[in-house]
C-alpha atoms as a PDB file:
ATOM      1  CA  MET A   1     -71.026  39.556 -59.556  1.00  0.00           C
ATOM      2  CA  ALA A   2     -67.977  37.908 -58.008  1.00  0.00           C
ATOM      3  CA  ALA A   3     -64.814  39.886 -57.471  1.00  0.00           C
ATOM      4  CA  SER A   4     -62.184  39.407 -60.146  1.00  0.00           C
ATOM      5  CA  TYR A   5     -58.943  37.621 -59.358  1.00  0.00           C
ATOM      6  CA  ASP A   6     -57.082  40.954 -59.513  1.00  0.00           C
ATOM      7  CA  GLU A   7     -59.558  42.524 -57.095  1.00  0.00           C
ATOM      8  CA  CYS A   8     -59.007  39.619 -54.696  1.00  0.00           C
ATOM      9  CA  ILE A   9     -55.227  39.987 -54.914  1.00  0.00           C
ATOM     10  CA  ALA A  10     -55.548  43.717 -54.252  1.00  0.00           C
ATOM     11  CA  ALA A  11     -57.852  43.097 -51.290  1.00  0.00           C
ATOM     12  CA  PHE A  12     -55.627  40.526 -49.562  1.00  0.00           C
ATOM     13  CA  PRO A  13     -53.139  42.894 -47.844  1.00  0.00           C
ATOM     14  CA  ARG A  14     -55.985  45.179 -46.714  1.00  0.00           C
ATOM     15  CA  SER A  15     -58.458  42.532 -45.599  1.00  0.00           C
ATOM     16  CA  GLN A  16     -58.848  42.377 -41.822  1.00  0.00           C
ATOM     17  CA  VAL A  17     -59.254  38.596 -41.847  1.00  0.00           C
ATOM     18  CA  CYS A  18     -56.025  38.240 -43.845  1.00  0.00           C
ATOM     19  CA  LEU A  19     -54.225  40.660 -41.539  1.00  0.00           C
ATOM     20  CA  ASP A  20     -55.456  38.709 -38.517  1.00  0.00           C
ATOM     21  CA  ARG A  21     -54.169  35.461 -40.006  1.00  0.00           C
ATOM     22  CA  THR A  22     -50.848  37.138 -40.839  1.00  0.00           C
ATOM     23  CA  TYR A  23     -50.594  38.477 -37.276  1.00  0.00           C
ATOM     24  CA  SER A  24     -51.215  35.019 -35.838  1.00  0.00           C
ATOM     25  CA  GLN A  25     -48.701  33.375 -38.150  1.00  0.00           C
ATOM     26  CA  LEU A  26     -46.105  36.062 -37.424  1.00  0.00           C
ATOM     27  CA  LEU A  27     -46.331  35.256 -33.731  1.00  0.00           C
ATOM     28  CA  SER A  28     -46.134  31.544 -34.480  1.00  0.00           C
ATOM     29  CA  TRP A  29     -43.073  32.024 -36.714  1.00  0.00           C
ATOM     30  CA  ALA A  30     -41.366  34.198 -34.094  1.00  0.00           C
ATOM     31  CA  SER A  31     -42.051  31.626 -31.379  1.00  0.00           C
ATOM     32  CA  TYR A  32     -40.559  28.890 -33.533  1.00  0.00           C
ATOM     33  CA  ILE A  33     -37.417  30.900 -34.358  1.00  0.00           C
ATOM     34  CA  THR A  34     -36.774  32.041 -30.786  1.00  0.00           C
ATOM     35  CA  ALA A  35     -37.240  28.467 -29.514  1.00  0.00           C
ATOM     36  CA  GLN A  36     -34.361  27.246 -31.686  1.00  0.00           C
ATOM     37  CA  PRO A  37     -31.164  26.632 -29.731  1.00  0.00           C
ATOM     38  CA  LEU A  38     -28.382  29.144 -30.152  1.00  0.00           C
ATOM     39  CA  PRO A  39     -25.201  27.848 -31.770  1.00  0.00           C
ATOM     40  CA  PRO A  40     -21.996  27.531 -29.717  1.00  0.00           C
ATOM     41  CA  THR A  41     -20.315  30.887 -29.073  1.00  0.00           C
ATOM     42  CA  ASP A  42     -16.896  29.762 -30.287  1.00  0.00           C
ATOM     43  CA  THR A  43     -17.847  30.165 -33.974  1.00  0.00           C
ATOM     44  CA  ALA A  44     -19.569  32.971 -35.815  1.00  0.00           C
ATOM     45  CA  PRO A  45     -23.249  32.287 -36.540  1.00  0.00           C
ATOM     46  CA  GLU A  46     -24.726  32.458 -40.028  1.00  0.00           C
ATOM     47  CA  ILE A  47     -25.825  35.978 -40.942  1.00  0.00           C
ATOM     48  CA  ALA A  48     -29.286  34.736 -41.971  1.00  0.00           C
ATOM     49  CA  PHE A  49     -29.724  33.010 -38.604  1.00  0.00           C
ATOM     50  CA  VAL A  50     -28.964  36.228 -36.736  1.00  0.00           C
ATOM     51  CA  GLN A  51     -31.191  38.325 -39.004  1.00  0.00           C
ATOM     52  CA  GLN A  52     -34.119  35.994 -38.406  1.00  0.00           C
ATOM     53  CA  ARG A  53     -33.402  35.828 -34.678  1.00  0.00           C
ATOM     54  CA  ILE A  54     -33.357  39.625 -34.390  1.00  0.00           C
ATOM     55  CA  LEU A  55     -36.601  39.939 -36.336  1.00  0.00           C
ATOM     56  CA  ALA A  56     -38.258  37.152 -34.325  1.00  0.00           C
ATOM     57  CA  GLU A  57     -37.326  38.913 -31.080  1.00  0.00           C
ATOM     58  CA  ARG A  58     -38.995  42.095 -32.378  1.00  0.00           C
ATOM     59  CA  VAL A  59     -42.210  40.489 -33.644  1.00  0.00           C
ATOM     60  CA  PRO A  60     -44.134  40.357 -30.340  1.00  0.00           C
ATOM     61  CA  ILE A  61     -43.577  44.087 -29.865  1.00  0.00           C
ATOM     62  CA  TYR A  62     -44.178  45.191 -33.461  1.00  0.00           C
ATOM     63  CA  ALA A  63     -46.587  42.526 -34.752  1.00  0.00           C
ATOM     64  CA  ASN A  64     -49.255  45.110 -35.645  1.00  0.00           C
ATOM     65  CA  THR A  65     -46.776  46.949 -37.854  1.00  0.00           C
ATOM     66  CA  TYR A  66     -45.201  43.857 -39.361  1.00  0.00           C
ATOM     67  CA  GLN A  67     -48.533  42.290 -40.324  1.00  0.00           C
ATOM     68  CA  ASN A  68     -49.178  45.185 -42.709  1.00  0.00           C
ATOM     69  CA  GLN A  69     -45.667  44.997 -44.140  1.00  0.00           C
ATOM     70  CA  VAL A  70     -45.529  41.203 -44.524  1.00  0.00           C
ATOM     71  CA  ALA A  71     -49.020  40.594 -45.978  1.00  0.00           C
ATOM     72  CA  PRO A  72     -48.117  41.845 -49.500  1.00  0.00           C
ATOM     73  CA  TYR A  73     -45.039  39.577 -49.543  1.00  0.00           C
ATOM     74  CA  LEU A  74     -47.313  36.584 -48.976  1.00  0.00           C
ATOM     75  CA  LEU A  75     -48.765  37.220 -52.422  1.00  0.00           C
ATOM     76  CA  GLU A  76     -45.452  35.997 -53.870  1.00  0.00           C
ATOM     77  CA  ILE A  77     -46.405  32.483 -52.769  1.00  0.00           C
ATOM     78  CA  PRO A  78     -48.495  30.494 -55.280  1.00  0.00           C
ATOM     79  CA  ASN A  79     -50.429  28.619 -52.556  1.00  0.00           C
ATOM     80  CA  ILE A  80     -51.803  31.931 -51.310  1.00  0.00           C
ATOM     81  CA  THR A  81     -52.676  33.397 -54.696  1.00  0.00           C
ATOM     82  CA  GLN A  82     -54.196  30.183 -56.045  1.00  0.00           C
ATOM     83  CA  ASP A  83     -56.487  29.964 -53.020  1.00  0.00           C
ATOM     84  CA  ILE A  84     -57.042  33.719 -52.640  1.00  0.00           C
ATOM     85  CA  ARG A  85     -60.828  33.643 -52.287  1.00  0.00           C
ATOM     86  CA  ASN A  86     -60.640  31.231 -49.363  1.00  0.00           C
ATOM     87  CA  HIS A  87     -58.012  33.434 -47.711  1.00  0.00           C
ATOM     88  CA  LEU A  88     -60.377  36.393 -47.989  1.00  0.00           C
ATOM     89  CA  ASN A  89     -63.317  34.431 -46.578  1.00  0.00           C
ATOM     90  CA  ALA A  90     -63.878  34.877 -42.849  1.00  0.00           C
ATOM     91  CA  TYR A  91     -66.459  32.075 -42.755  1.00  0.00           C
ATOM     92  CA  ASN A  92     -64.592  28.996 -43.981  1.00  0.00           C
ATOM     93  CA  ASP A  93     -65.332  25.609 -42.471  1.00  0.00           C
ATOM     94  CA  GLU A  94     -62.798  24.036 -40.098  1.00  0.00           C
ATOM     95  CA  ALA A  95     -61.154  21.906 -42.791  1.00  0.00           C
ATOM     96  CA  MET A  96     -60.555  24.942 -45.002  1.00  0.00           C
ATOM     97  CA  GLU A  97     -59.208  26.953 -42.064  1.00  0.00           C
ATOM     98  CA  GLN A  98     -56.683  24.179 -41.397  1.00  0.00           C
ATOM     99  CA  THR A  99     -55.673  24.231 -45.049  1.00  0.00           C
ATOM    100  CA  ILE A 100     -55.257  28.003 -44.960  1.00  0.00           C
ATOM    101  CA  SER A 101     -53.255  27.801 -41.746  1.00  0.00           C
ATOM    102  CA  GLY A 102     -50.893  25.293 -43.353  1.00  0.00           C
ATOM    103  CA  GLU A 103     -50.530  27.497 -46.422  1.00  0.00           C
ATOM    104  CA  MET A 104     -49.753  30.482 -44.222  1.00  0.00           C
ATOM    105  CA  GLN A 105     -47.166  28.549 -42.178  1.00  0.00           C
ATOM    106  CA  SER A 106     -45.294  27.344 -45.246  1.00  0.00           C
ATOM    107  CA  SER A 107     -45.515  30.837 -46.744  1.00  0.00           C
ATOM    108  CA  MET A 108     -44.007  32.406 -43.634  1.00  0.00           C
ATOM    109  CA  ALA A 109     -41.114  29.946 -43.834  1.00  0.00           C
ATOM    110  CA  VAL A 110     -40.343  31.328 -47.307  1.00  0.00           C
ATOM    111  CA  VAL A 111     -41.150  35.011 -46.804  1.00  0.00           C
ATOM    112  CA  MET A 112     -39.715  35.753 -43.359  1.00  0.00           C
ATOM    113  CA  PRO A 113     -36.056  34.969 -44.122  1.00  0.00           C
ATOM    114  CA  LYS A 114     -36.265  37.328 -47.109  1.00  0.00           C
ATOM    115  CA  TYR A 115     -38.040  39.947 -45.013  1.00  0.00           C
ATOM    116  CA  ALA A 116     -35.400  39.626 -42.274  1.00  0.00           C
ATOM    117  CA  ALA A 117     -32.586  40.029 -44.800  1.00  0.00           C
ATOM    118  CA  ALA A 118     -34.261  43.155 -46.179  1.00  0.00           C
ATOM    119  CA  THR A 119     -34.999  44.810 -42.825  1.00  0.00           C
ATOM    120  CA  VAL A 120     -32.200  43.805 -40.415  1.00  0.00           C
ATOM    121  CA  SER A 121     -28.989  45.718 -41.077  1.00  0.00           C
ATOM    122  CA  ASN A 122     -25.464  44.366 -41.012  1.00  0.00           C
ATOM    123  CA  GLN A 123     -24.736  46.650 -38.081  1.00  0.00           C
ATOM    124  CA  GLU A 124     -27.639  45.142 -36.137  1.00  0.00           C
ATOM    125  CA  VAL A 125     -26.252  41.664 -36.845  1.00  0.00           C
ATOM    126  CA  ALA A 126     -22.801  42.731 -35.622  1.00  0.00           C
ATOM    127  CA  ASN A 127     -24.321  44.311 -32.492  1.00  0.00           C
ATOM    128  CA  TRP A 128     -26.307  41.137 -31.734  1.00  0.00           C
ATOM    129  CA  CYS A 129     -23.184  38.998 -32.123  1.00  0.00           C
ATOM    130  CA  GLU A 130     -21.180  41.259 -29.825  1.00  0.00           C
ATOM    131  CA  LYS A 131     -23.953  41.435 -27.217  1.00  0.00           C
ATOM    132  CA  ASN A 132     -24.350  37.647 -27.197  1.00  0.00           C
ATOM    133  CA  GLY A 133     -20.635  36.769 -27.191  1.00  0.00           C
ATOM    134  CA  TYR A 134     -20.239  35.633 -30.797  1.00  0.00           C
ATOM    135  CA  PRO A 135     -17.498  36.517 -33.270  1.00  0.00           C
ATOM    136  CA  ILE A 136     -18.591  38.726 -36.164  1.00  0.00           C
ATOM    137  CA  PRO A 137     -19.488  36.588 -39.220  1.00  0.00           C
ATOM    138  CA  ASP A 138     -16.823  36.676 -41.940  1.00  0.00           C
ATOM    139  CA  GLY A 139     -19.124  38.247 -44.505  1.00  0.00           C
ATOM    140  CA  LEU A 140     -19.807  41.197 -42.195  1.00  0.00           C
ATOM    141  CA  ALA A 141     -16.330  41.915 -40.901  1.00  0.00           C
ATOM    142  CA  ASN A 142     -15.214  43.353 -44.232  1.00  0.00           C
ATOM    143  CA  THR A 143     -18.323  45.485 -44.815  1.00  0.00           C
ATOM    144  CA  LEU A 144     -18.252  47.042 -41.342  1.00  0.00           C
ATOM    145  CA  GLY A 145     -14.507  47.681 -41.178  1.00  0.00           C
ATOM    146  CA  PHE A 146     -13.710  45.104 -38.469  1.00  0.00           C
END
């Protein structure tokens, strides 16, 4: 008997093949973010940019931890849940693996900014700005007492 849809959803964040794919895509996302040019230092950067940059700089060190934390968030993305059985399958053909990789990439683009906003504090953003010679973003100055 095939696993039910709910069983597949529950298995996704615990499946080693799904965790491996998440790990790989985390590293890919982090590489993309850290390769982006930094804005000029004469204006404050966007808070979301700094949050993502901080998280991307951490990913290579903490990828094993983040893969377990990020995998459940991927279930918010319809492409993942609609194709859940293929995501759980470790023996897909090459065409399906490319499809899954594309689904994971687009999912990371949606999930990681939200994850960064939830896990990188305002103080960490302010510290990054100070360390890298940027003014504190307007939205943070009031909350941190600057």
